[in-house]
Amino acid sequence: MRLRYKLGLAFIMVILIGVCFIGLNRYLLNDKEEEQPKQEAVVVSNIPKYGYTLDDRDNKYMKEIFEELVNTLSSEEIVEEDYAEMVAKLFITDFYTLDNKINKYDVGGLEYVYSPKKEEFNTKARDTIYKDLIDNTYQDRIQDLPEITNVEVLNIEPTKIKLNEEQQDGYKVTMKYTYKENLGYDTEGTCYLVNNDNKLEVAMYTPTIES
């Protein structure tokens, strides 16, 4: 009887130690997950009058173009074609650079989109280019994603753009894009920009379909 009692007690002790170990392990894992830093964008530069912002997670090329935009909009006399060119470049760079986005709801380039069409553009982007983007809240994503490293303006010209059944003055900017790695994303396209409350915005964008 005494031997059985000792064996039973030893068995219970083993179970208790195992339960405690499992509980401690889960606690440490949960604590590690909670402490793991999330990707929260930090604004490092902005143009308050126009509502443009630059985040710390934006790539080197975008930071260079944004600085050019800051200088352009700080001039006493703004050259509108230069302004249009930089907005188009920033839009393309932010939109097609997916490797710094958190998930499919983190659509790039929205602050450069024509305000009345922003929600429509956002929805379409989530259903197309951004739909397969894996969530990277905890920075553990393993996925090949594009990063724009240069945007070359092939042509820029004044044009008429039809919005809400009205013809508005604007700019047509045709561009070619270079990526850090070619992953099969669009390499050329055209932005149509209009002036909305003294701010140039991308009213339409059409990628060039390669034959």
N, C-alpha and C. Protein backbone atom coordinates (compact mmCIF):
# COMPACT_ATOMS: atom_id res chain seq x y z
N MET A 1 0.85 -1.21 0.00
CA MET A 1 0.00 0.00 0.00
C MET A 1 0.87 1.24 0.00
N ARG A 2 1.92 1.20 0.86
CA ARG A 2 2.78 2.39 0.95
C ARG A 2 3.48 2.65 -0.38
N LEU A 3 3.87 1.55 -1.09
CA LEU A 3 4.53 1.70 -2.38
C LEU A 3 3.57 2.29 -3.40
N ARG A 4 2.33 1.80 -3.41
CA ARG A 4 1.33 2.33 -4.32
C ARG A 4 1.08 3.82 -4.06
N TYR A 5 1.03 4.16 -2.78
CA TYR A 5 0.80 5.55 -2.38
C TYR A 5 1.92 6.44 -2.91
N LYS A 6 3.16 5.95 -2.75
CA LYS A 6 4.31 6.74 -3.21
C LYS A 6 4.31 6.87 -4.74
N LEU A 7 3.96 5.76 -5.42
CA LEU A 7 3.91 5.82 -6.89
C LEU A 7 2.82 6.77 -7.37
N GLY A 8 1.65 6.71 -6.69
CA GLY A 8 0.55 7.60 -7.04
C GLY A 8 0.92 9.06 -6.82
N LEU A 9 1.58 9.31 -5.69
CA LEU A 9 1.99 10.69 -5.37
C LEU A 9 3.00 11.20 -6.39
N ALA A 10 3.94 10.32 -6.79
CA ALA A 10 4.94 10.70 -7.77
C ALA A 10 4.30 11.00 -9.12
N PHE A 11 3.29 10.19 -9.45
CA PHE A 11 2.56 10.39 -10.72
C PHE A 11 1.86 11.74 -10.74
N ILE A 12 1.22 12.07 -9.63
CA ILE A 12 0.51 13.37 -9.52
C ILE A 12 1.49 14.52 -9.61
N MET A 13 2.65 14.36 -8.96
CA MET A 13 3.67 15.41 -9.00
C MET A 13 4.16 15.65 -10.43
N VAL A 14 4.35 14.57 -11.17
CA VAL A 14 4.79 14.70 -12.56
C VAL A 14 3.76 15.46 -13.39
N ILE A 15 2.48 15.13 -13.18
CA ILE A 15 1.40 15.82 -13.90
C ILE A 15 1.38 17.30 -13.56
N LEU A 16 1.50 17.62 -12.26
CA LEU A 16 1.47 19.02 -11.82
C LEU A 16 2.64 19.81 -12.41
N ILE A 17 3.82 19.19 -12.41
CA ILE A 17 4.99 19.85 -12.97
C ILE A 17 4.79 20.11 -14.47
N GLY A 18 4.22 19.12 -15.16
CA GLY A 18 3.96 19.27 -16.59
C GLY A 18 2.98 20.38 -16.87
N VAL A 19 1.90 20.45 -16.08
CA VAL A 19 0.88 21.51 -16.25
C VAL A 19 1.50 22.88 -16.02
N CYS A 20 2.31 22.99 -14.96
CA CYS A 20 2.97 24.26 -14.64
C CYS A 20 3.92 24.68 -15.77
N PHE A 21 4.63 23.71 -16.31
CA PHE A 21 5.57 24.01 -17.40
C PHE A 21 4.85 24.50 -18.63
N ILE A 22 3.74 23.83 -18.98
CA ILE A 22 2.96 24.24 -20.16
C ILE A 22 2.39 25.63 -19.96
N GLY A 23 1.86 25.88 -18.74
CA GLY A 23 1.28 27.20 -18.45
C GLY A 23 2.32 28.30 -18.53
N LEU A 24 3.51 28.03 -17.97
CA LEU A 24 4.57 29.02 -18.00
C LEU A 24 5.02 29.29 -19.42
N ASN A 25 5.11 28.24 -20.21
CA ASN A 25 5.55 28.38 -21.60
C ASN A 25 4.56 29.23 -22.40
N ARG A 26 3.26 28.97 -22.20
CA ARG A 26 2.24 29.76 -22.89
C ARG A 26 2.28 31.22 -22.46
N TYR A 27 2.50 31.44 -21.19
CA TYR A 27 2.56 32.81 -20.66
C TYR A 27 3.72 33.58 -21.29
N LEU A 28 4.88 32.90 -21.38
CA LEU A 28 6.05 33.56 -21.95
C LEU A 28 5.86 33.85 -23.43
N LEU A 29 5.23 32.91 -24.14
CA LEU A 29 4.98 33.11 -25.57
C LEU A 29 4.01 34.26 -25.80
N ASN A 30 2.92 34.31 -25.01
CA ASN A 30 1.93 35.39 -25.14
C ASN A 30 2.56 36.73 -24.81
N ASP A 31 3.40 36.73 -23.76
CA ASP A 31 4.05 37.97 -23.35
C ASP A 31 4.99 38.46 -24.45
N LYS A 32 5.66 37.51 -25.11
CA LYS A 32 6.57 37.85 -26.20
C LYS A 32 5.81 38.44 -27.37
N GLU A 33 4.63 37.86 -27.69
CA GLU A 33 3.82 38.35 -28.78
C GLU A 33 3.32 39.76 -28.50
N GLU A 34 2.92 40.00 -27.23
CA GLU A 34 2.39 41.31 -26.87
C GLU A 34 3.48 42.38 -26.92
N GLU A 35 4.72 41.98 -26.60
CA GLU A 35 5.80 42.95 -26.57
C GLU A 35 6.42 43.18 -27.95
N GLN A 36 6.12 42.29 -28.92
CA GLN A 36 6.71 42.42 -30.24
C GLN A 36 6.22 43.71 -30.88
N PRO A 37 7.11 44.57 -31.36
CA PRO A 37 6.72 45.86 -31.90
C PRO A 37 5.87 45.74 -33.16
N LYS A 38 4.87 46.59 -33.27
CA LYS A 38 4.03 46.63 -34.45
C LYS A 38 4.54 47.73 -35.37
N GLN A 39 4.21 47.62 -36.66
CA GLN A 39 4.63 48.61 -37.63
C GLN A 39 3.68 49.80 -37.60
N GLU A 40 4.05 50.82 -36.88
CA GLU A 40 3.25 52.03 -36.83
C GLU A 40 4.03 53.14 -37.53
N ALA A 41 3.39 53.75 -38.53
CA ALA A 41 4.06 54.78 -39.29
C ALA A 41 4.28 56.03 -38.45
N VAL A 42 5.46 56.60 -38.58
CA VAL A 42 5.79 57.84 -37.88
C VAL A 42 6.06 58.92 -38.93
N VAL A 43 5.35 60.03 -38.85
CA VAL A 43 5.53 61.11 -39.81
C VAL A 43 6.86 61.80 -39.56
N VAL A 44 7.70 61.87 -40.60
CA VAL A 44 9.02 62.50 -40.46
C VAL A 44 9.09 63.84 -41.20
N SER A 45 8.14 64.08 -42.08
CA SER A 45 8.08 65.36 -42.79
C SER A 45 6.65 65.57 -43.28
N ASN A 46 6.27 66.82 -43.43
CA ASN A 46 4.91 67.10 -43.91
C ASN A 46 4.84 68.48 -44.55
N ILE A 47 3.78 68.68 -45.32
CA ILE A 47 3.49 69.98 -45.93
C ILE A 47 2.08 70.34 -45.49
N PRO A 48 1.92 70.96 -44.33
CA PRO A 48 0.61 71.18 -43.71
C PRO A 48 -0.43 71.83 -44.62
N LYS A 49 -0.02 72.81 -45.41
CA LYS A 49 -0.96 73.54 -46.26
C LYS A 49 -1.65 72.62 -47.25
N TYR A 50 -0.96 71.57 -47.66
CA TYR A 50 -1.49 70.66 -48.68
C TYR A 50 -1.89 69.30 -48.11
N GLY A 51 -1.52 69.03 -46.87
CA GLY A 51 -1.89 67.77 -46.26
C GLY A 51 -1.02 66.59 -46.65
N TYR A 52 0.14 66.85 -47.26
CA TYR A 52 1.05 65.78 -47.65
C TYR A 52 1.93 65.37 -46.46
N THR A 53 2.16 64.07 -46.33
CA THR A 53 3.02 63.58 -45.25
C THR A 53 4.00 62.54 -45.77
N LEU A 54 5.13 62.44 -45.07
CA LEU A 54 6.14 61.43 -45.38
C LEU A 54 6.38 60.62 -44.12
N ASP A 55 6.33 59.29 -44.24
CA ASP A 55 6.51 58.41 -43.08
C ASP A 55 7.93 57.86 -43.03
N ASP A 56 8.32 57.43 -41.83
CA ASP A 56 9.65 56.84 -41.67
C ASP A 56 9.81 55.55 -42.45
N ARG A 57 8.72 54.87 -42.76
CA ARG A 57 8.82 53.60 -43.48
C ARG A 57 8.85 53.79 -45.00
N ASP A 58 8.65 55.03 -45.49
CA ASP A 58 8.75 55.28 -46.93
C ASP A 58 10.20 55.08 -47.38
N ASN A 59 10.36 54.57 -48.61
CA ASN A 59 11.71 54.23 -49.05
C ASN A 59 12.52 55.46 -49.44
N LYS A 60 13.80 55.24 -49.70
CA LYS A 60 14.75 56.33 -49.97
C LYS A 60 14.32 57.17 -51.15
N TYR A 61 13.86 56.51 -52.22
CA TYR A 61 13.47 57.25 -53.42
C TYR A 61 12.30 58.17 -53.15
N MET A 62 11.31 57.69 -52.42
CA MET A 62 10.15 58.51 -52.12
C MET A 62 10.54 59.72 -51.27
N LYS A 63 11.46 59.51 -50.35
CA LYS A 63 11.93 60.62 -49.51
C LYS A 63 12.61 61.71 -50.34
N GLU A 64 13.34 61.28 -51.38
CA GLU A 64 14.01 62.24 -52.25
C GLU A 64 12.99 63.07 -53.03
N ILE A 65 11.98 62.43 -53.59
CA ILE A 65 10.95 63.14 -54.36
C ILE A 65 10.13 64.05 -53.46
N PHE A 66 9.85 63.58 -52.25
CA PHE A 66 9.07 64.39 -51.32
C PHE A 66 9.82 65.67 -50.97
N GLU A 67 11.13 65.57 -50.81
CA GLU A 67 11.94 66.75 -50.51
C GLU A 67 11.89 67.74 -51.67
N GLU A 68 11.88 67.22 -52.90
CA GLU A 68 11.75 68.08 -54.07
C GLU A 68 10.39 68.79 -54.06
N LEU A 69 9.36 68.05 -53.66
CA LEU A 69 8.03 68.64 -53.60
C LEU A 69 7.98 69.75 -52.55
N VAL A 70 8.61 69.51 -51.41
CA VAL A 70 8.68 70.54 -50.35
C VAL A 70 9.30 71.82 -50.90
N ASN A 71 10.39 71.69 -51.63
CA ASN A 71 11.07 72.85 -52.20
C ASN A 71 10.22 73.55 -53.25
N THR A 72 9.55 72.75 -54.07
CA THR A 72 8.71 73.31 -55.14
C THR A 72 7.55 74.12 -54.56
N LEU A 73 6.90 73.56 -53.54
CA LEU A 73 5.73 74.23 -52.97
C LEU A 73 6.11 75.37 -52.02
N SER A 74 7.41 75.46 -51.70
CA SER A 74 7.88 76.55 -50.85
C SER A 74 8.29 77.78 -51.67
N SER A 75 8.33 77.61 -53.00
CA SER A 75 8.73 78.71 -53.87
C SER A 75 7.66 79.79 -53.91
N GLU A 76 8.10 81.01 -54.16
CA GLU A 76 7.15 82.12 -54.25
C GLU A 76 6.21 81.94 -55.43
N GLU A 77 6.75 81.41 -56.52
CA GLU A 77 5.93 81.14 -57.70
C GLU A 77 6.05 79.67 -58.06
N ILE A 78 4.96 78.94 -57.86
CA ILE A 78 4.98 77.49 -58.10
C ILE A 78 4.82 77.19 -59.59
N VAL A 79 5.74 76.41 -60.11
CA VAL A 79 5.64 75.93 -61.50
C VAL A 79 4.73 74.71 -61.49
N GLU A 80 3.52 74.87 -62.02
CA GLU A 80 2.50 73.83 -61.86
C GLU A 80 2.88 72.52 -62.54
N GLU A 81 3.59 72.58 -63.65
CA GLU A 81 4.00 71.34 -64.31
C GLU A 81 4.97 70.54 -63.44
N ASP A 82 5.87 71.23 -62.76
CA ASP A 82 6.79 70.56 -61.84
C ASP A 82 6.02 69.94 -60.69
N TYR A 83 5.05 70.68 -60.18
CA TYR A 83 4.19 70.20 -59.10
C TYR A 83 3.46 68.93 -59.53
N ALA A 84 2.88 68.96 -60.74
CA ALA A 84 2.14 67.80 -61.25
C ALA A 84 3.04 66.59 -61.41
N GLU A 85 4.26 66.83 -61.90
CA GLU A 85 5.21 65.73 -62.11
C GLU A 85 5.56 65.04 -60.79
N MET A 86 5.80 65.84 -59.75
CA MET A 86 6.19 65.26 -58.46
C MET A 86 5.04 64.52 -57.78
N VAL A 87 3.84 65.06 -57.88
CA VAL A 87 2.68 64.38 -57.31
C VAL A 87 2.46 63.03 -58.00
N ALA A 88 2.61 63.02 -59.32
CA ALA A 88 2.45 61.77 -60.08
C ALA A 88 3.51 60.74 -59.66
N LYS A 89 4.75 61.19 -59.50
CA LYS A 89 5.83 60.30 -59.08
C LYS A 89 5.58 59.74 -57.68
N LEU A 90 5.18 60.61 -56.76
CA LEU A 90 4.92 60.18 -55.39
C LEU A 90 3.76 59.19 -55.33
N PHE A 91 2.72 59.47 -56.11
CA PHE A 91 1.56 58.57 -56.15
C PHE A 91 1.96 57.18 -56.61
N ILE A 92 2.68 57.12 -57.73
CA ILE A 92 3.10 55.82 -58.29
C ILE A 92 4.02 55.08 -57.32
N THR A 93 4.99 55.80 -56.75
CA THR A 93 5.95 55.17 -55.83
C THR A 93 5.26 54.60 -54.61
N ASP A 94 4.37 55.37 -54.02
CA ASP A 94 3.68 54.92 -52.81
C ASP A 94 2.69 53.79 -53.11
N PHE A 95 2.02 53.89 -54.25
CA PHE A 95 1.01 52.89 -54.60
C PHE A 95 1.62 51.53 -54.92
N TYR A 96 2.71 51.52 -55.69
CA TYR A 96 3.30 50.25 -56.13
C TYR A 96 4.39 49.71 -55.20
N THR A 97 4.77 50.47 -54.19
CA THR A 97 5.71 49.94 -53.20
C THR A 97 4.90 49.26 -52.11
N LEU A 98 4.81 47.94 -52.20
CA LEU A 98 3.98 47.18 -51.28
C LEU A 98 4.76 46.59 -50.11
N ASP A 99 6.08 46.52 -50.22
CA ASP A 99 6.85 45.83 -49.19
C ASP A 99 6.86 46.55 -47.85
N ASN A 100 6.43 47.83 -47.82
CA ASN A 100 6.37 48.55 -46.54
C ASN A 100 4.94 48.73 -46.03
N LYS A 101 3.99 48.06 -46.67
CA LYS A 101 2.60 48.18 -46.26
C LYS A 101 2.25 47.07 -45.26
N ILE A 102 1.37 47.38 -44.30
CA ILE A 102 1.04 46.42 -43.24
C ILE A 102 0.11 45.32 -43.72
N ASN A 103 -0.92 45.69 -44.47
CA ASN A 103 -1.88 44.71 -44.99
C ASN A 103 -2.62 45.32 -46.17
N LYS A 104 -3.61 44.61 -46.69
CA LYS A 104 -4.29 45.06 -47.90
C LYS A 104 -5.12 46.33 -47.68
N TYR A 105 -5.37 46.68 -46.44
CA TYR A 105 -6.12 47.91 -46.14
C TYR A 105 -5.20 49.13 -46.07
N ASP A 106 -3.91 48.90 -46.14
CA ASP A 106 -2.93 49.98 -46.05
C ASP A 106 -2.53 50.40 -47.46
N VAL A 107 -3.48 50.94 -48.20
CA VAL A 107 -3.27 51.29 -49.61
C VAL A 107 -2.43 52.56 -49.73
N GLY A 108 -1.40 52.50 -50.54
CA GLY A 108 -0.51 53.63 -50.73
C GLY A 108 -1.02 54.62 -51.75
N GLY A 109 -0.58 55.87 -51.62
CA GLY A 109 -0.89 56.90 -52.61
C GLY A 109 -2.20 57.61 -52.43
N LEU A 110 -2.99 57.25 -51.42
CA LEU A 110 -4.33 57.81 -51.27
C LEU A 110 -4.34 59.32 -51.06
N GLU A 111 -3.32 59.85 -50.39
CA GLU A 111 -3.32 61.29 -50.12
C GLU A 111 -3.09 62.12 -51.39
N TYR A 112 -2.75 61.44 -52.50
CA TYR A 112 -2.56 62.15 -53.77
C TYR A 112 -3.74 61.95 -54.72
N VAL A 113 -4.74 61.20 -54.30
CA VAL A 113 -5.90 60.89 -55.15
C VAL A 113 -6.97 61.96 -55.02
N TYR A 114 -7.64 62.25 -56.12
CA TYR A 114 -8.74 63.22 -56.18
C TYR A 114 -9.79 62.86 -55.12
N SER A 115 -10.04 63.78 -54.21
CA SER A 115 -10.86 63.52 -53.02
C SER A 115 -12.19 62.81 -53.29
N PRO A 116 -13.02 63.27 -54.25
CA PRO A 116 -14.30 62.60 -54.48
C PRO A 116 -14.18 61.16 -54.96
N LYS A 117 -13.00 60.77 -55.46
CA LYS A 117 -12.82 59.41 -55.97
C LYS A 117 -11.94 58.55 -55.06
N LYS A 118 -11.57 59.09 -53.92
CA LYS A 118 -10.63 58.40 -53.04
C LYS A 118 -11.17 57.05 -52.54
N GLU A 119 -12.42 57.02 -52.10
CA GLU A 119 -12.99 55.79 -51.57
C GLU A 119 -13.13 54.72 -52.65
N GLU A 120 -13.54 55.15 -53.83
CA GLU A 120 -13.67 54.23 -54.96
C GLU A 120 -12.31 53.63 -55.33
N PHE A 121 -11.30 54.48 -55.37
CA PHE A 121 -9.94 54.02 -55.69
C PHE A 121 -9.44 53.06 -54.62
N ASN A 122 -9.69 53.38 -53.36
CA ASN A 122 -9.25 52.56 -52.23
C ASN A 122 -9.84 51.15 -52.32
N THR A 123 -11.13 51.08 -52.60
CA THR A 123 -11.82 49.79 -52.71
C THR A 123 -11.26 48.96 -53.86
N LYS A 124 -11.07 49.62 -55.00
CA LYS A 124 -10.55 48.91 -56.18
C LYS A 124 -9.15 48.38 -55.94
N ALA A 125 -8.32 49.17 -55.26
CA ALA A 125 -6.94 48.74 -54.97
C ALA A 125 -6.93 47.52 -54.06
N ARG A 126 -7.80 47.51 -53.05
CA ARG A 126 -7.87 46.36 -52.13
C ARG A 126 -8.33 45.09 -52.84
N ASP A 127 -9.13 45.26 -53.89
CA ASP A 127 -9.66 44.11 -54.63
C ASP A 127 -8.74 43.64 -55.75
N THR A 128 -7.68 44.40 -56.01
CA THR A 128 -6.78 44.04 -57.12
C THR A 128 -5.32 43.94 -56.65
N ILE A 129 -4.57 45.02 -56.78
CA ILE A 129 -3.13 45.01 -56.48
C ILE A 129 -2.83 44.56 -55.05
N TYR A 130 -3.68 44.97 -54.10
CA TYR A 130 -3.40 44.72 -52.68
C TYR A 130 -4.10 43.47 -52.12
N LYS A 131 -4.90 42.79 -52.89
CA LYS A 131 -5.75 41.73 -52.35
C LYS A 131 -4.99 40.54 -51.76
N ASP A 132 -3.79 40.24 -52.28
CA ASP A 132 -3.03 39.07 -51.80
C ASP A 132 -1.93 39.45 -50.81
N LEU A 133 -1.97 40.68 -50.33
CA LEU A 133 -0.94 41.14 -49.40
C LEU A 133 -1.12 40.48 -48.03
N ILE A 134 -0.10 39.75 -47.60
CA ILE A 134 -0.14 39.06 -46.30
C ILE A 134 0.04 40.07 -45.18
N ASP A 135 -0.74 39.91 -44.11
CA ASP A 135 -0.65 40.82 -42.96
C ASP A 135 0.75 40.77 -42.34
N ASN A 136 1.28 41.96 -42.01
CA ASN A 136 2.62 42.04 -41.45
C ASN A 136 2.63 42.83 -40.14
N THR A 137 1.54 42.72 -39.39
CA THR A 137 1.43 43.45 -38.13
C THR A 137 2.59 43.15 -37.20
N TYR A 138 3.00 41.88 -37.15
CA TYR A 138 4.08 41.47 -36.24
C TYR A 138 5.42 41.26 -36.96
N GLN A 139 5.52 41.86 -38.17
CA GLN A 139 6.77 41.85 -38.93
C GLN A 139 7.32 40.44 -39.17
N ASP A 140 6.44 39.51 -39.45
CA ASP A 140 6.87 38.14 -39.71
C ASP A 140 6.47 37.68 -41.11
N ARG A 141 6.15 38.63 -41.99
CA ARG A 141 5.71 38.27 -43.34
C ARG A 141 6.86 37.73 -44.18
N ILE A 142 6.57 36.67 -44.91
CA ILE A 142 7.52 36.12 -45.89
C ILE A 142 6.80 36.15 -47.23
N GLN A 143 7.10 37.17 -48.03
CA GLN A 143 6.40 37.37 -49.31
C GLN A 143 7.22 38.31 -50.18
N ASP A 144 7.37 37.96 -51.45
CA ASP A 144 8.08 38.83 -52.39
C ASP A 144 7.13 39.95 -52.82
N LEU A 145 7.52 41.19 -52.55
CA LEU A 145 6.67 42.34 -52.83
C LEU A 145 7.47 43.43 -53.55
N PRO A 146 6.80 44.23 -54.37
CA PRO A 146 7.50 45.24 -55.16
C PRO A 146 7.91 46.48 -54.37
N GLU A 147 8.99 47.11 -54.86
CA GLU A 147 9.45 48.39 -54.33
C GLU A 147 9.92 49.25 -55.49
N ILE A 148 9.29 50.39 -55.68
CA ILE A 148 9.68 51.31 -56.75
C ILE A 148 10.98 52.02 -56.36
N THR A 149 11.94 52.04 -57.29
CA THR A 149 13.21 52.72 -57.02
C THR A 149 13.41 53.93 -57.94
N ASN A 150 12.58 54.06 -58.98
CA ASN A 150 12.68 55.23 -59.85
C ASN A 150 11.42 55.34 -60.72
N VAL A 151 11.01 56.58 -60.96
CA VAL A 151 9.90 56.85 -61.88
C VAL A 151 10.38 57.88 -62.89
N GLU A 152 10.37 57.50 -64.15
CA GLU A 152 10.81 58.39 -65.23
C GLU A 152 9.60 58.96 -65.94
N VAL A 153 9.52 60.27 -66.01
CA VAL A 153 8.43 60.93 -66.72
C VAL A 153 8.77 60.94 -68.21
N LEU A 154 7.94 60.27 -69.01
CA LEU A 154 8.16 60.20 -70.44
C LEU A 154 7.56 61.40 -71.16
N ASN A 155 6.44 61.90 -70.60
CA ASN A 155 5.78 63.05 -71.22
C ASN A 155 4.81 63.68 -70.22
N ILE A 156 4.74 65.00 -70.26
CA ILE A 156 3.76 65.73 -69.46
C ILE A 156 3.18 66.85 -70.30
N GLU A 157 1.86 66.95 -70.31
CA GLU A 157 1.22 67.97 -71.13
C GLU A 157 -0.12 68.39 -70.53
N PRO A 158 -0.52 69.65 -70.74
CA PRO A 158 -1.84 70.10 -70.31
C PRO A 158 -2.91 69.34 -71.07
N THR A 159 -4.03 69.08 -70.43
CA THR A 159 -5.10 68.35 -71.09
C THR A 159 -6.44 68.70 -70.45
N LYS A 160 -7.51 68.23 -71.06
CA LYS A 160 -8.85 68.39 -70.50
C LYS A 160 -9.29 67.05 -69.93
N ILE A 161 -9.84 67.09 -68.74
CA ILE A 161 -10.28 65.86 -68.07
C ILE A 161 -11.76 65.99 -67.73
N LYS A 162 -12.55 64.99 -68.11
CA LYS A 162 -13.98 65.03 -67.86
C LYS A 162 -14.31 64.46 -66.49
N LEU A 163 -14.85 65.31 -65.62
CA LEU A 163 -15.25 64.90 -64.28
C LEU A 163 -16.64 65.44 -63.97
N ASN A 164 -17.53 64.55 -63.54
CA ASN A 164 -18.91 64.96 -63.23
C ASN A 164 -19.55 65.71 -64.40
N GLU A 165 -19.34 65.15 -65.60
CA GLU A 165 -19.92 65.69 -66.84
C GLU A 165 -19.36 67.06 -67.21
N GLU A 166 -18.29 67.46 -66.56
CA GLU A 166 -17.67 68.74 -66.88
C GLU A 166 -16.21 68.54 -67.30
N GLN A 167 -15.77 69.36 -68.24
CA GLN A 167 -14.38 69.32 -68.68
C GLN A 167 -13.55 70.23 -67.78
N GLN A 168 -12.50 69.69 -67.19
CA GLN A 168 -11.64 70.47 -66.32
C GLN A 168 -10.21 70.48 -66.85
N ASP A 169 -9.52 71.58 -66.62
CA ASP A 169 -8.12 71.67 -67.02
C ASP A 169 -7.28 70.79 -66.11
N GLY A 170 -6.29 70.15 -66.69
CA GLY A 170 -5.43 69.30 -65.88
C GLY A 170 -4.16 68.96 -66.62
N TYR A 171 -3.48 67.92 -66.13
CA TYR A 171 -2.23 67.47 -66.74
C TYR A 171 -2.27 65.96 -66.97
N LYS A 172 -1.68 65.59 -68.10
CA LYS A 172 -1.52 64.17 -68.43
C LYS A 172 -0.04 63.84 -68.28
N VAL A 173 0.28 62.92 -67.35
CA VAL A 173 1.67 62.58 -67.07
C VAL A 173 1.89 61.09 -67.37
N THR A 174 2.70 60.82 -68.39
CA THR A 174 3.01 59.44 -68.77
C THR A 174 4.37 59.06 -68.19
N MET A 175 4.45 57.90 -67.56
CA MET A 175 5.65 57.51 -66.82
C MET A 175 6.07 56.06 -67.05
N LYS A 176 7.32 55.80 -66.71
CA LYS A 176 7.89 54.45 -66.74
C LYS A 176 8.50 54.18 -65.37
N TYR A 177 8.28 52.97 -64.83
CA TYR A 177 8.70 52.66 -63.46
C TYR A 177 9.81 51.61 -63.43
N THR A 178 10.70 51.79 -62.46
CA THR A 178 11.76 50.81 -62.22
C THR A 178 11.59 50.25 -60.81
N TYR A 179 11.72 48.93 -60.67
CA TYR A 179 11.57 48.25 -59.39
C TYR A 179 12.91 47.72 -58.89
N LYS A 180 12.99 47.53 -57.60
CA LYS A 180 14.17 46.90 -57.00
C LYS A 180 14.33 45.49 -57.57
N GLU A 181 13.21 44.83 -57.79
CA GLU A 181 13.19 43.49 -58.40
C GLU A 181 11.94 43.37 -59.24
N ASN A 182 12.07 42.86 -60.44
CA ASN A 182 10.93 42.72 -61.34
C ASN A 182 10.07 41.53 -60.93
N LEU A 183 8.88 41.83 -60.41
CA LEU A 183 7.97 40.78 -59.94
C LEU A 183 6.70 40.71 -60.79
N GLY A 184 6.72 41.38 -61.95
CA GLY A 184 5.60 41.29 -62.87
C GLY A 184 4.53 42.36 -62.70
N TYR A 185 4.82 43.41 -61.94
CA TYR A 185 3.85 44.49 -61.76
C TYR A 185 3.96 45.49 -62.91
N ASP A 186 2.99 46.41 -62.99
CA ASP A 186 2.96 47.40 -64.07
C ASP A 186 4.26 48.20 -64.13
N THR A 187 4.73 48.47 -65.34
CA THR A 187 5.97 49.22 -65.52
C THR A 187 5.77 50.56 -66.22
N GLU A 188 4.58 50.81 -66.72
CA GLU A 188 4.27 52.09 -67.35
C GLU A 188 2.81 52.44 -67.09
N GLY A 189 2.53 53.74 -67.12
CA GLY A 189 1.16 54.17 -66.93
C GLY A 189 1.03 55.67 -67.07
N THR A 190 -0.23 56.14 -66.99
CA THR A 190 -0.52 57.56 -67.17
C THR A 190 -1.41 58.07 -66.05
N CYS A 191 -1.00 59.18 -65.45
CA CYS A 191 -1.81 59.85 -64.43
C CYS A 191 -2.45 61.10 -65.02
N TYR A 192 -3.70 61.33 -64.68
CA TYR A 192 -4.40 62.55 -65.08
C TYR A 192 -4.68 63.35 -63.80
N LEU A 193 -4.11 64.54 -63.73
CA LEU A 193 -4.24 65.34 -62.51
C LEU A 193 -5.08 66.59 -62.75
N VAL A 194 -5.88 66.94 -61.75
CA VAL A 194 -6.69 68.15 -61.81
C VAL A 194 -6.44 68.98 -60.56
N ASN A 195 -6.79 70.25 -60.65
CA ASN A 195 -6.65 71.15 -59.52
C ASN A 195 -7.93 71.12 -58.70
N ASN A 196 -7.81 70.73 -57.44
CA ASN A 196 -8.95 70.65 -56.54
C ASN A 196 -8.64 71.48 -55.30
N ASP A 197 -9.28 72.67 -55.19
CA ASP A 197 -9.01 73.58 -54.07
C ASP A 197 -7.53 73.93 -53.96
N ASN A 198 -6.95 74.33 -55.11
CA ASN A 198 -5.55 74.75 -55.19
C ASN A 198 -4.57 73.62 -54.85
N LYS A 199 -5.01 72.40 -55.04
CA LYS A 199 -4.16 71.25 -54.78
C LYS A 199 -4.29 70.27 -55.94
N LEU A 200 -3.17 69.89 -56.56
CA LEU A 200 -3.22 68.94 -57.66
C LEU A 200 -3.44 67.52 -57.14
N GLU A 201 -4.42 66.83 -57.74
CA GLU A 201 -4.75 65.48 -57.30
C GLU A 201 -4.90 64.56 -58.50
N VAL A 202 -4.62 63.28 -58.30
CA VAL A 202 -4.73 62.28 -59.37
C VAL A 202 -6.19 61.89 -59.52
N ALA A 203 -6.80 62.36 -60.61
CA ALA A 203 -8.21 62.06 -60.85
C ALA A 203 -8.40 60.72 -61.53
N MET A 204 -7.43 60.34 -62.37
CA MET A 204 -7.50 59.05 -63.07
C MET A 204 -6.09 58.49 -63.22
N TYR A 205 -6.03 57.17 -63.21
CA TYR A 205 -4.76 56.50 -63.47
C TYR A 205 -5.00 55.27 -64.32
N THR A 206 -4.25 55.16 -65.41
CA THR A 206 -4.40 54.00 -66.29
C THR A 206 -3.03 53.38 -66.55
N PRO A 207 -2.81 52.14 -66.11
CA PRO A 207 -1.55 51.45 -66.43
C PRO A 207 -1.50 51.10 -67.91
N THR A 208 -0.31 51.10 -68.47
CA THR A 208 -0.15 50.72 -69.87
C THR A 208 -0.20 49.20 -69.98
N ILE A 209 -1.10 48.73 -70.82
CA ILE A 209 -1.24 47.28 -71.01
C ILE A 209 -0.24 46.83 -72.06
N GLU A 210 0.69 45.98 -71.64
CA GLU A 210 1.69 45.49 -72.59
C GLU A 210 1.12 44.40 -73.46
N SER A 211 1.38 44.51 -74.76
CA SER A 211 0.84 43.53 -75.72
C SER A 211 1.75 42.31 -75.81
